[in-house]
């Protein structure tokens, strides 16, 4: 619940335009990376939109793990947070891709 409180305080500190810009940047960035990942994974992937959704889920998981391990996020720990979100997004894509391959081979 502490994570939700921090996210609530963070979102409330933004005005509407900053929040909209943050959301648009996150969605556009994840879709762009999803396009690249789709070119790499081809048939094993989930398409650009599916990859983008998995990337956003991985970023959320990475932020939650960073908060649990490091406590309240500070700008001085930006490298650690970026590494955790990148690693968790990669892990989510790999696990879901492996699960998809396994289910297609079984079925």
Protein backbone atom coordinates (compact mmCIF):
# COMPACT_ATOMS: atom_id res chain seq x y z
CA UNK A 1 0.00 0.00 0.00
CA UNK A 2 2.95 2.31 0.48
CA UNK A 3 3.62 2.16 -3.26
CA UNK A 4 0.10 3.29 -4.01
CA UNK A 5 0.45 6.18 -1.58
CA UNK A 6 3.68 7.32 -3.25
CA UNK A 7 2.15 7.02 -6.72
CA UNK A 8 -0.92 8.92 -5.52
CA UNK A 9 1.25 11.74 -4.16
CA UNK A 10 3.35 11.80 -7.33
CA UNK A 11 0.34 11.98 -9.62
CA UNK A 12 -1.26 14.67 -7.50
CA UNK A 13 1.88 16.80 -7.72
CA UNK A 14 1.53 17.00 -11.53
CA UNK A 15 -0.81 19.38 -13.26
CA UNK A 16 -3.00 18.07 -16.07
CA UNK A 17 -0.68 18.94 -18.94
CA UNK A 18 2.38 17.38 -17.27
CA UNK A 19 0.43 14.21 -16.50
CA UNK A 20 -0.86 14.00 -20.07
CA UNK A 21 2.64 14.55 -21.45
CA UNK A 22 4.04 11.84 -19.16
CA UNK A 23 1.36 9.34 -20.19
CA UNK A 24 1.74 10.13 -23.91
CA UNK A 25 5.52 9.78 -23.68
CA UNK A 26 5.26 6.44 -21.91
CA UNK A 27 2.74 5.07 -24.41
CA UNK A 28 4.58 6.36 -27.48
CA UNK A 29 7.95 5.17 -26.18
CA UNK A 30 6.68 1.71 -25.33
CA UNK A 31 4.96 1.40 -28.73
CA UNK A 32 8.18 2.45 -30.49
CA UNK A 33 10.19 -0.12 -28.53
CA UNK A 34 7.39 -2.64 -29.15
CA UNK A 35 7.85 -2.11 -32.90
CA UNK A 36 11.57 -2.83 -32.59
CA UNK A 37 10.97 -5.90 -30.43
CA UNK A 38 8.36 -7.12 -32.93
CA UNK A 39 10.96 -6.99 -35.71
CA UNK A 40 13.36 -9.00 -33.55
CA UNK A 41 10.91 -11.59 -32.18
CA UNK A 42 8.81 -11.98 -35.36
CA UNK A 43 6.43 -14.95 -34.89
CA UNK A 44 7.42 -15.48 -31.27
CA UNK A 45 6.32 -11.95 -30.37
CA UNK A 46 2.92 -10.47 -29.62
CA UNK A 47 2.78 -7.71 -32.24
CA UNK A 48 3.74 -4.08 -31.61
CA UNK A 49 0.74 -3.32 -29.40
CA UNK A 50 1.03 -6.51 -27.36
CA UNK A 51 4.74 -5.91 -26.88
CA UNK A 52 4.03 -2.33 -25.80
CA UNK A 53 1.54 -3.52 -23.20
CA UNK A 54 4.03 -6.06 -21.87
CA UNK A 55 6.75 -3.39 -21.78
CA UNK A 56 4.50 -1.05 -19.78
CA UNK A 57 3.69 -3.90 -17.39
CA UNK A 58 7.41 -4.61 -17.00
CA UNK A 59 8.13 -0.95 -16.30
CA UNK A 60 5.44 -0.91 -13.63
CA UNK A 61 6.86 -4.06 -12.06
CA UNK A 62 10.37 -2.60 -12.16
CA UNK A 63 9.23 0.58 -10.44
CA UNK A 64 7.48 -1.41 -7.72
CA UNK A 65 10.55 -3.62 -7.18
CA UNK A 66 12.80 -0.54 -7.08
CA UNK A 67 10.56 1.08 -4.50
CA UNK A 68 10.54 -2.04 -2.34
CA UNK A 69 14.32 -2.43 -2.51
CA UNK A 70 15.44 1.21 -2.41
CA UNK A 71 12.62 2.90 -0.53
CA UNK A 72 11.27 6.24 -1.75
CA UNK A 73 12.70 6.95 -5.18
CA UNK A 74 15.25 9.77 -5.33
CA UNK A 75 16.84 11.37 -8.40
CA UNK A 76 20.28 10.17 -7.24
CA UNK A 77 19.15 6.57 -7.81
CA UNK A 78 17.97 7.11 -11.38
CA UNK A 79 20.47 4.65 -12.87
CA UNK A 80 19.32 1.89 -10.53
CA UNK A 81 15.67 2.54 -11.32
CA UNK A 82 16.29 2.64 -15.08
CA UNK A 83 18.26 -0.62 -14.89
CA UNK A 84 15.51 -2.29 -12.84
CA UNK A 85 12.75 -1.20 -15.24
CA UNK A 86 14.73 -2.26 -18.31
CA UNK A 87 15.55 -5.63 -16.77
CA UNK A 88 11.98 -6.29 -15.67
CA UNK A 89 10.57 -5.31 -19.09
CA UNK A 90 13.03 -7.65 -20.78
CA UNK A 91 12.19 -10.42 -18.34
CA UNK A 92 8.44 -10.00 -18.91
CA UNK A 93 8.90 -10.19 -22.70
CA UNK A 94 11.18 -13.24 -22.45
CA UNK A 95 8.92 -15.15 -20.07
CA UNK A 96 5.77 -14.40 -22.07
CA UNK A 97 7.53 -15.28 -25.35
CA UNK A 98 8.77 -18.57 -23.91
CA UNK A 99 5.32 -19.35 -22.56
CA UNK A 100 3.77 -18.61 -25.95
CA UNK A 101 6.30 -20.86 -27.71
CA UNK A 102 5.68 -23.64 -25.22
CA UNK A 103 1.91 -23.41 -25.59
CA UNK A 104 2.12 -23.37 -29.39
CA UNK A 105 4.40 -26.43 -29.40
CA UNK A 106 2.08 -28.34 -27.04
CA UNK A 107 -1.10 -27.41 -28.90
